[in-house]
C-alpha atoms as a PDB file:
ATOM      1  CA  MET A   1      86.713  -7.121 -39.352  1.00  0.00           C
ATOM      2  CA  THR A   2      87.586  -5.420 -42.600  1.00  0.00           C
ATOM      3  CA  THR A   3      89.423  -7.201 -45.411  1.00  0.00           C
ATOM      4  CA  ASP A   4      92.529  -5.141 -44.634  1.00  0.00           C
ATOM      5  CA  ASP A   5      92.310  -6.061 -40.939  1.00  0.00           C
ATOM      6  CA  ALA A   6      91.962  -9.757 -41.825  1.00  0.00           C
ATOM      7  CA  GLN A   7      94.979  -9.602 -44.146  1.00  0.00           C
ATOM      8  CA  GLU A   8      97.057  -7.850 -41.511  1.00  0.00           C
ATOM      9  CA  ALA A   9      96.029 -10.437 -38.907  1.00  0.00           C
ATOM     10  CA  ALA A  10      96.979 -13.260 -41.301  1.00  0.00           C
ATOM     11  CA  ALA A  11     100.444 -11.753 -41.772  1.00  0.00           C
ATOM     12  CA  VAL A  12     100.942 -11.409 -38.005  1.00  0.00           C
ATOM     13  CA  LEU A  13      99.691 -14.967 -37.415  1.00  0.00           C
ATOM     14  CA  ALA A  14     102.108 -16.298 -40.031  1.00  0.00           C
ATOM     15  CA  GLU A  15     105.021 -14.412 -38.467  1.00  0.00           C
ATOM     16  CA  ARG A  16     104.185 -15.676 -34.970  1.00  0.00           C
ATOM     17  CA  ALA A  17     103.624 -19.244 -36.162  1.00  0.00           C
ATOM     18  CA  MET A  18     106.891 -19.330 -38.109  1.00  0.00           C
ATOM     19  CA  GLN A  19     108.712 -18.478 -34.861  1.00  0.00           C
ATOM     20  CA  LEU A  20     107.165 -21.394 -32.954  1.00  0.00           C
ATOM     21  CA  THR A  21     109.634 -23.993 -31.757  1.00  0.00           C
ATOM     22  CA  GLU A  22     106.973 -26.548 -32.750  1.00  0.00           C
ATOM     23  CA  LEU A  23     107.421 -25.541 -36.403  1.00  0.00           C
ATOM     24  CA  ALA A  24     111.113 -24.561 -36.402  1.00  0.00           C
ATOM     25  CA  GLY A  25     112.507 -27.993 -37.218  1.00  0.00           C
ATOM     26  CA  ALA A  26     109.417 -29.457 -38.852  1.00  0.00           C
ATOM     27  CA  ARG A  27     109.973 -31.187 -42.169  1.00  0.00           C
ATOM     28  CA  THR A  28     106.267 -31.988 -42.647  1.00  0.00           C
ATOM     29  CA  VAL A  29     103.352 -29.924 -41.332  1.00  0.00           C
ATOM     30  CA  ALA A  30      99.689 -30.840 -41.695  1.00  0.00           C
ATOM     31  CA  ALA A  31      97.786 -27.585 -42.170  1.00  0.00           C
ATOM     32  CA  TYR A  32      94.599 -26.326 -43.844  1.00  0.00           C
ATOM     33  CA  VAL A  33      93.445 -23.565 -46.146  1.00  0.00           C
ATOM     34  CA  SER A  34      91.325 -21.090 -44.227  1.00  0.00           C
ATOM     35  CA  VAL A  35      87.877 -20.234 -45.541  1.00  0.00           C
ATOM     36  CA  GLY A  36      85.315 -17.576 -44.771  1.00  0.00           C
ATOM     37  CA  ARG A  37      85.985 -15.678 -41.570  1.00  0.00           C
ATOM     38  CA  GLU A  38      88.635 -18.087 -40.279  1.00  0.00           C
ATOM     39  CA  PRO A  39      92.026 -16.551 -39.504  1.00  0.00           C
ATOM     40  CA  GLY A  40      93.958 -16.557 -42.765  1.00  0.00           C
ATOM     41  CA  THR A  41      96.463 -19.347 -43.356  1.00  0.00           C
ATOM     42  CA  ARG A  42      97.690 -18.679 -46.896  1.00  0.00           C
ATOM     43  CA  VAL A  43     100.591 -16.439 -45.858  1.00  0.00           C
ATOM     44  CA  LEU A  44     101.706 -19.153 -43.426  1.00  0.00           C
ATOM     45  CA  LEU A  45     101.312 -21.916 -46.027  1.00  0.00           C
ATOM     46  CA  ASP A  46     103.508 -19.962 -48.441  1.00  0.00           C
ATOM     47  CA  ALA A  47     106.104 -19.235 -45.739  1.00  0.00           C
ATOM     48  CA  LEU A  48     106.314 -22.907 -44.744  1.00  0.00           C
ATOM     49  CA  HIS A  49     106.522 -23.972 -48.387  1.00  0.00           C
ATOM     50  CA  ALA A  50     109.280 -21.396 -49.061  1.00  0.00           C
ATOM     51  CA  ARG A  51     111.198 -22.768 -46.060  1.00  0.00           C
ATOM     52  CA  GLY A  52     111.181 -26.179 -47.728  1.00  0.00           C
ATOM     53  CA  VAL A  53     108.590 -27.705 -45.416  1.00  0.00           C
ATOM     54  CA  ARG A  54     106.334 -30.355 -46.925  1.00  0.00           C
ATOM     55  CA  VAL A  55     102.842 -29.020 -46.230  1.00  0.00           C
ATOM     56  CA  LEU A  56      99.963 -31.496 -46.174  1.00  0.00           C
ATOM     57  CA  LEU A  57      96.487 -30.116 -46.812  1.00  0.00           C
ATOM     58  CA  PRO A  58      93.221 -31.916 -46.131  1.00  0.00           C
ATOM     59  CA  VAL A  59      90.882 -33.273 -48.764  1.00  0.00           C
ATOM     60  CA  LEU A  60      87.373 -33.797 -47.392  1.00  0.00           C
ATOM     61  CA  LEU A  61      85.971 -37.250 -48.108  1.00  0.00           C
ATOM     62  CA  ALA A  62      82.276 -38.102 -48.455  1.00  0.00           C
ATOM     63  CA  ASP A  63      82.161 -39.546 -44.917  1.00  0.00           C
ATOM     64  CA  ASN A  64      83.780 -36.369 -43.442  1.00  0.00           C
ATOM     65  CA  ASP A  65      87.113 -38.114 -42.911  1.00  0.00           C
ATOM     66  CA  LEU A  66      90.192 -36.420 -44.333  1.00  0.00           C
ATOM     67  CA  ASP A  67      92.555 -37.566 -47.047  1.00  0.00           C
ATOM     68  CA  TRP A  68      95.682 -35.453 -47.635  1.00  0.00           C
ATOM     69  CA  GLY A  69      97.508 -33.860 -50.539  1.00  0.00           C
ATOM     70  CA  THR A  70     100.680 -31.805 -50.839  1.00  0.00           C
ATOM     71  CA  TYR A  71     100.597 -28.001 -51.038  1.00  0.00           C
ATOM     72  CA  ASP A  72     102.436 -26.768 -54.123  1.00  0.00           C
ATOM     73  CA  GLY A  73     101.355 -23.126 -54.058  1.00  0.00           C
ATOM     74  CA  THR A  74      98.130 -21.165 -54.194  1.00  0.00           C
ATOM     75  CA  GLU A  75      97.821 -21.660 -57.958  1.00  0.00           C
ATOM     76  CA  ARG A  76      97.572 -25.430 -57.374  1.00  0.00           C
ATOM     77  CA  LEU A  77      94.505 -25.201 -55.120  1.00  0.00           C
ATOM     78  CA  VAL A  78      91.088 -26.149 -56.484  1.00  0.00           C
ATOM     79  CA  ARG A  79      87.618 -25.346 -55.188  1.00  0.00           C
ATOM     80  CA  ALA A  80      85.955 -28.481 -53.848  1.00  0.00           C
ATOM     81  CA  GLY A  81      82.722 -29.333 -52.069  1.00  0.00           C
ATOM     82  CA  ARG A  82      81.437 -27.034 -49.319  1.00  0.00           C
ATOM     83  CA  GLY A  83      83.530 -24.186 -50.730  1.00  0.00           C
ATOM     84  CA  LEU A  84      86.799 -25.646 -49.472  1.00  0.00           C
ATOM     85  CA  LEU A  85      90.106 -25.234 -51.280  1.00  0.00           C
ATOM     86  CA  GLU A  86      92.062 -28.444 -51.699  1.00  0.00           C
ATOM     87  CA  PRO A  87      95.372 -29.303 -53.337  1.00  0.00           C
ATOM     88  CA  GLU A  88      95.206 -30.734 -56.821  1.00  0.00           C
ATOM     89  CA  GLY A  89      97.311 -33.758 -57.532  1.00  0.00           C
ATOM     90  CA  ALA A  90      97.823 -37.146 -55.926  1.00  0.00           C
ATOM     91  CA  ARG A  91      95.999 -38.142 -52.779  1.00  0.00           C
ATOM     92  CA  LEU A  92      98.222 -39.520 -50.046  1.00  0.00           C
ATOM     93  CA  GLY A  93      95.625 -41.333 -47.929  1.00  0.00           C
ATOM     94  CA  PRO A  94      94.162 -40.584 -44.496  1.00  0.00           C
ATOM     95  CA  ASP A  95      97.262 -41.949 -42.737  1.00  0.00           C
ATOM     96  CA  ALA A  96      99.566 -39.369 -44.365  1.00  0.00           C
ATOM     97  CA  VAL A  97      98.940 -37.128 -41.345  1.00  0.00           C
ATOM     98  CA  LEU A  98     100.961 -39.609 -39.281  1.00  0.00           C
ATOM     99  CA  GLU A  99     104.091 -38.239 -41.003  1.00  0.00           C
ATOM    100  CA  ALA A 100     103.469 -34.696 -39.725  1.00  0.00           C
ATOM    101  CA  ASP A 101     105.955 -33.157 -37.317  1.00  0.00           C
ATOM    102  CA  ALA A 102     103.246 -30.640 -36.333  1.00  0.00           C
ATOM    103  CA  VAL A 103      99.523 -30.342 -37.015  1.00  0.00           C
ATOM    104  CA  LEU A 104      97.719 -27.031 -37.463  1.00  0.00           C
ATOM    105  CA  LEU A 105      94.044 -27.431 -36.580  1.00  0.00           C
ATOM    106  CA  PRO A 106      91.158 -25.146 -37.462  1.00  0.00           C
ATOM    107  CA  GLY A 107      88.841 -24.157 -34.653  1.00  0.00           C
ATOM    108  CA  LEU A 108      86.160 -21.803 -33.480  1.00  0.00           C
ATOM    109  CA  ALA A 109      87.670 -21.344 -30.014  1.00  0.00           C
ATOM    110  CA  VAL A 110      90.217 -22.677 -27.533  1.00  0.00           C
ATOM    111  CA  ASP A 111      89.840 -22.422 -23.781  1.00  0.00           C
ATOM    112  CA  GLY A 112      92.298 -21.948 -20.931  1.00  0.00           C
ATOM    113  CA  ARG A 113      92.833 -25.706 -20.684  1.00  0.00           C
ATOM    114  CA  GLY A 114      93.761 -26.012 -24.353  1.00  0.00           C
ATOM    115  CA  MET A 115      90.469 -27.628 -25.323  1.00  0.00           C
ATOM    116  CA  ARG A 116      89.488 -26.808 -28.917  1.00  0.00           C
ATOM    117  CA  LEU A 117      85.985 -26.217 -30.184  1.00  0.00           C
ATOM    118  CA  GLY A 118      85.676 -27.348 -33.792  1.00  0.00           C
ATOM    119  CA  ARG A 119      82.879 -26.916 -36.284  1.00  0.00           C
ATOM    120  CA  GLY A 120      81.177 -30.160 -35.302  1.00  0.00           C
ATOM    121  CA  GLY A 121      81.782 -32.213 -38.448  1.00  0.00           C
ATOM    122  CA  GLY A 122      84.167 -34.591 -36.684  1.00  0.00           C
ATOM    123  CA  SER A 123      86.826 -34.524 -39.415  1.00  0.00           C
ATOM    124  CA  TYR A 124      89.623 -33.402 -37.115  1.00  0.00           C
ATOM    125  CA  ASP A 125      88.350 -35.595 -34.273  1.00  0.00           C
ATOM    126  CA  ARG A 126      89.089 -38.501 -36.616  1.00  0.00           C
ATOM    127  CA  VAL A 127      92.540 -37.091 -37.368  1.00  0.00           C
ATOM    128  CA  LEU A 128      93.292 -36.812 -33.649  1.00  0.00           C
ATOM    129  CA  GLN A 129      92.010 -40.343 -33.032  1.00  0.00           C
ATOM    130  CA  ARG A 130      94.189 -41.606 -35.899  1.00  0.00           C
ATOM    131  CA  LEU A 131      97.251 -39.948 -34.345  1.00  0.00           C
ATOM    132  CA  ALA A 132      96.420 -41.383 -30.903  1.00  0.00           C
ATOM    133  CA  ARG A 133      95.901 -44.927 -32.251  1.00  0.00           C
ATOM    134  CA  ALA A 134      99.286 -44.760 -33.982  1.00  0.00           C
ATOM    135  CA  ARG A 135     100.859 -43.362 -30.784  1.00  0.00           C
ATOM    136  CA  VAL A 136     102.102 -40.380 -32.767  1.00  0.00           C
ATOM    137  CA  GLN A 137     102.141 -37.124 -30.813  1.00  0.00           C
ATOM    138  CA  PRO A 138     102.996 -34.141 -33.001  1.00  0.00           C
ATOM    139  CA  PRO A 139     102.405 -30.704 -31.504  1.00  0.00           C
ATOM    140  CA  LEU A 140      98.818 -29.575 -32.113  1.00  0.00           C
ATOM    141  CA  VAL A 141      98.494 -25.858 -32.837  1.00  0.00           C
ATOM    142  CA  VAL A 142      95.381 -23.736 -33.469  1.00  0.00           C
ATOM    143  CA  LEU A 143      95.353 -20.331 -35.193  1.00  0.00           C
ATOM    144  CA  LEU A 144      92.663 -17.987 -33.853  1.00  0.00           C
ATOM    145  CA  TYR A 145      91.760 -14.361 -33.343  1.00  0.00           C
ATOM    146  CA  ASP A 146      92.366 -13.029 -29.822  1.00  0.00           C
ATOM    147  CA  ASN A 147      88.666 -13.004 -28.897  1.00  0.00           C
ATOM    148  CA  GLU A 148      88.381 -16.716 -29.758  1.00  0.00           C
ATOM    149  CA  VAL A 149      90.500 -17.726 -26.759  1.00  0.00           C
ATOM    150  CA  VAL A 150      87.794 -18.108 -24.130  1.00  0.00           C
ATOM    151  CA  ALA A 151      87.356 -19.230 -20.532  1.00  0.00           C
ATOM    152  CA  ARG A 152      85.724 -22.580 -21.352  1.00  0.00           C
ATOM    153  CA  VAL A 153      84.422 -24.532 -24.345  1.00  0.00           C
ATOM    154  CA  PRO A 154      82.135 -27.568 -24.239  1.00  0.00           C
ATOM    155  CA  GLU A 155      84.079 -30.804 -24.003  1.00  0.00           C
ATOM    156  CA  GLU A 156      83.244 -34.355 -25.070  1.00  0.00           C
ATOM    157  CA  PRO A 157      85.052 -37.546 -23.973  1.00  0.00           C
ATOM    158  CA  HIS A 158      86.798 -37.904 -27.368  1.00  0.00           C
ATOM    159  CA  ASP A 159      88.208 -34.343 -27.358  1.00  0.00           C
ATOM    160  CA  HIS A 160      91.969 -33.782 -27.136  1.00  0.00           C
ATOM    161  CA  PRO A 161      93.687 -30.660 -25.813  1.00  0.00           C
ATOM    162  CA  VAL A 162      96.000 -28.750 -28.128  1.00  0.00           C
ATOM    163  CA  HIS A 163      99.557 -27.750 -27.289  1.00  0.00           C
ATOM    164  CA  ALA A 164      99.400 -24.122 -28.385  1.00  0.00           C
ATOM    165  CA  VAL A 165      97.170 -21.404 -29.764  1.00  0.00           C
ATOM    166  CA  VAL A 166      98.546 -18.595 -31.919  1.00  0.00           C
ATOM    167  CA  THR A 167      96.660 -15.310 -32.110  1.00  0.00           C
ATOM    168  CA  PRO A 168      97.645 -11.896 -33.433  1.00  0.00           C
ATOM    169  CA  GLY A 169      98.216 -10.966 -29.777  1.00  0.00           C
ATOM    170  CA  GLY A 170     100.658 -13.764 -29.028  1.00  0.00           C
ATOM    171  CA  VAL A 171     101.217 -17.445 -28.378  1.00  0.00           C
ATOM    172  CA  ARG A 172      99.785 -19.416 -25.489  1.00  0.00           C
ATOM    173  CA  ARG A 173     101.002 -22.920 -24.673  1.00  0.00           C
ATOM    174  CA  PHE A 174      99.157 -25.563 -22.696  1.00  0.00           C
ATOM    175  CA  THR A 175     100.358 -28.538 -20.663  1.00  0.00           C
ATOM    176  CA  ALA A 176      98.411 -31.714 -20.064  1.00  0.00           C
END
């Protein structure tokens, strides 16, 4: 995919995501800053921020758990370990995600059942476990390219299905 293609896909993803009912009334959204070849999230982060949504971004801790900070614009992102971009400013604690009205999750693929394949570090597995322990059930949404929605991904007992996947080609919702 060329740089232009990736930028165009990011704009389409942002437009589709902003139309989701799961994000329409959200006051707080937990999201992430895309890196490498991941579908771009910066256009979406800016659109949410401009709408007045409080956007929480992850801060990777030494044990691979996630702390959270508030997104205040691209100029307030700093390069951290493993090449990740994180928000500068105060840390809100790992439980800040419990305040999210929707959670955008990174992934490598999602299958027809809504099962998400992550990168294997376990950071978002911990986030999902934290939400489950607190009995908080915000919509879980993954942004992917069309070819990353596949027939089946490997599944482990701790995995949770997502509610929706957004691709440049459209939105697909899943039911438990």
